[in-house]
C-alpha atoms as a PDB file:
ATOM      1  CA  MET A   1      93.493 127.820 119.417  1.00  0.00           C
ATOM      2  CA  THR A   2      94.652 126.793 115.953  1.00  0.00           C
ATOM      3  CA  THR A   3      93.182 123.878 113.988  1.00  0.00           C
ATOM      4  CA  GLU A   4      96.262 121.694 114.604  1.00  0.00           C
ATOM      5  CA  GLU A   5      95.946 122.503 118.437  1.00  0.00           C
ATOM      6  CA  LYS A   6      92.193 121.471 118.319  1.00  0.00           C
ATOM      7  CA  MET A   7      93.055 118.146 116.469  1.00  0.00           C
ATOM      8  CA  SER A   8      95.796 117.351 118.854  1.00  0.00           C
ATOM      9  CA  ARG A   9      93.500 117.889 121.686  1.00  0.00           C
ATOM     10  CA  TYR A  10      91.063 115.224 120.351  1.00  0.00           C
ATOM     11  CA  ALA A  11      93.551 112.801 118.871  1.00  0.00           C
ATOM     12  CA  GLN A  12      93.739 110.632 121.936  1.00  0.00           C
ATOM     13  CA  LEU A  13      90.050 109.979 122.038  1.00  0.00           C
ATOM     14  CA  SER A  14      89.027 106.514 121.178  1.00  0.00           C
ATOM     15  CA  PHE A  15      85.859 105.170 119.666  1.00  0.00           C
ATOM     16  CA  PRO A  16      84.684 101.668 119.064  1.00  0.00           C
ATOM     17  CA  VAL A  17      85.345 100.388 115.577  1.00  0.00           C
ATOM     18  CA  GLU A  18      82.924  97.924 114.239  1.00  0.00           C
ATOM     19  CA  ALA A  19      83.049  95.794 110.948  1.00  0.00           C
ATOM     20  CA  GLU A  20      79.807  94.164 109.909  1.00  0.00           C
ATOM     21  CA  LEU A  21      80.440  90.771 108.469  1.00  0.00           C
ATOM     22  CA  GLY A  22      76.926  90.255 106.873  1.00  0.00           C
ATOM     23  CA  ARG A  23      73.330  89.882 107.349  1.00  0.00           C
ATOM     24  CA  CYS A  24      71.005  86.944 106.621  1.00  0.00           C
ATOM     25  CA  GLU A  25      67.380  86.324 107.065  1.00  0.00           C
ATOM     26  CA  LYS A  26      65.940  83.340 109.145  1.00  0.00           C
ATOM     27  CA  SER A  27      62.489  82.314 110.082  1.00  0.00           C
ATOM     28  CA  VAL A  28      61.317  82.372 113.675  1.00  0.00           C
ATOM     29  CA  ARG A  29      61.463  78.595 113.604  1.00  0.00           C
ATOM     30  CA  GLU A  30      65.179  78.644 112.388  1.00  0.00           C
ATOM     31  CA  ILE A  31      66.087  81.085 115.086  1.00  0.00           C
ATOM     32  CA  LEU A  32      64.381  79.210 117.926  1.00  0.00           C
ATOM     33  CA  SER A  33      66.242  76.058 116.799  1.00  0.00           C
ATOM     34  CA  LEU A  34      69.761  77.648 117.225  1.00  0.00           C
ATOM     35  CA  SER A  35      71.885  76.267 119.898  1.00  0.00           C
ATOM     36  CA  PRO A  36      75.527  76.330 121.093  1.00  0.00           C
ATOM     37  CA  GLY A  37      77.485  74.899 118.102  1.00  0.00           C
ATOM     38  CA  SER A  38      74.973  75.928 115.472  1.00  0.00           C
ATOM     39  CA  ILE A  39      76.566  77.350 112.370  1.00  0.00           C
ATOM     40  CA  LEU A  40      75.045  80.407 110.837  1.00  0.00           C
ATOM     41  CA  THR A  41      76.222  80.996 107.223  1.00  0.00           C
ATOM     42  CA  LEU A  42      76.593  84.247 105.676  1.00  0.00           C
ATOM     43  CA  PRO A  43      76.225  84.936 101.929  1.00  0.00           C
ATOM     44  CA  GLN A  44      79.522  86.932 101.665  1.00  0.00           C
ATOM     45  CA  PRO A  45      82.679  85.034 100.928  1.00  0.00           C
ATOM     46  CA  VAL A  46      86.108  85.761 102.699  1.00  0.00           C
ATOM     47  CA  GLY A  47      87.633  88.777 100.556  1.00  0.00           C
ATOM     48  CA  SER A  48      84.225  90.593 100.473  1.00  0.00           C
ATOM     49  CA  LYS A  49      83.853  94.278 100.625  1.00  0.00           C
ATOM     50  CA  MET A  50      82.610  95.486 104.014  1.00  0.00           C
ATOM     51  CA  THR A  51      81.869  98.793 105.874  1.00  0.00           C
ATOM     52  CA  LEU A  52      83.705  99.833 109.003  1.00  0.00           C
ATOM     53  CA  TYR A  53      81.968 102.133 111.567  1.00  0.00           C
ATOM     54  CA  ALA A  54      83.539 104.333 114.258  1.00  0.00           C
ATOM     55  CA  GLY A  55      81.277 105.623 116.854  1.00  0.00           C
ATOM     56  CA  GLY A  56      78.297 104.224 114.910  1.00  0.00           C
ATOM     57  CA  ALA A  57      79.042 106.232 111.826  1.00  0.00           C
ATOM     58  CA  SER A  58      80.530 104.591 108.550  1.00  0.00           C
ATOM     59  CA  PHE A  59      83.924 105.978 107.833  1.00  0.00           C
ATOM     60  CA  CYS A  60      85.708 103.525 105.471  1.00  0.00           C
ATOM     61  CA  SER A  61      85.476 100.271 103.483  1.00  0.00           C
ATOM     62  CA  GLY A  62      87.794  97.411 103.324  1.00  0.00           C
ATOM     63  CA  ASP A  63      88.182  93.746 102.227  1.00  0.00           C
ATOM     64  CA  MET A  64      87.690  90.868 104.671  1.00  0.00           C
ATOM     65  CA  MET A  65      90.515  88.624 104.885  1.00  0.00           C
ATOM     66  CA  ARG A  66      92.446  86.123 107.070  1.00  0.00           C
ATOM     67  CA  LEU A  67      95.693  87.104 108.725  1.00  0.00           C
ATOM     68  CA  GLY A  68      97.257  84.224 110.448  1.00  0.00           C
ATOM     69  CA  GLY A  69      94.535  82.446 112.422  1.00  0.00           C
ATOM     70  CA  VAL A  70      92.305  85.769 112.797  1.00  0.00           C
ATOM     71  CA  MET A  71      89.841  87.585 110.606  1.00  0.00           C
ATOM     72  CA  ALA A  72      90.994  91.081 109.556  1.00  0.00           C
ATOM     73  CA  VAL A  73      90.009  93.986 107.304  1.00  0.00           C
ATOM     74  CA  ARG A  74      92.253  95.631 104.591  1.00  0.00           C
ATOM     75  CA  ILE A  75      91.303  99.243 104.510  1.00  0.00           C
ATOM     76  CA  THR A  76      90.527 100.127 100.757  1.00  0.00           C
ATOM     77  CA  GLY A  77      89.037 103.622 100.938  1.00  0.00           C
ATOM     78  CA  PHE A  78      87.631 106.207 103.095  1.00  0.00           C
ATOM     79  CA  GLU A  79      84.091 107.853 102.870  1.00  0.00           C
ATOM     80  CA  SER A  80      84.082 111.543 101.753  1.00  0.00           C
ATOM     81  CA  ARG A  81      81.525 113.486 103.645  1.00  0.00           C
ATOM     82  CA  LYS A  82      80.595 117.026 102.501  1.00  0.00           C
ATOM     83  CA  ARG A  83      80.490 119.419 105.357  1.00  0.00           C
ATOM     84  CA  SER A  84      77.348 121.278 105.695  1.00  0.00           C
ATOM     85  CA  GLN A  85      77.916 125.189 105.740  1.00  0.00           C
END
């Protein structure tokens, strides 16, 4: 089987793609006081760089943006991984 045939065989697989918006640290007291309607602010502004993950592995980076009424990510680069021999 050629490399092209192998790639074609797996091209239809799907993986969950995740984009992490940001992280913050809160005390236990602050966490216990959260309720529906609470707002959790993150330090990253709209337009910040973020990493995207497919199947739990990072594969590219992008910029957070608004597109219409939804959040989106503009891909800015792909991670290069060296294959182990």
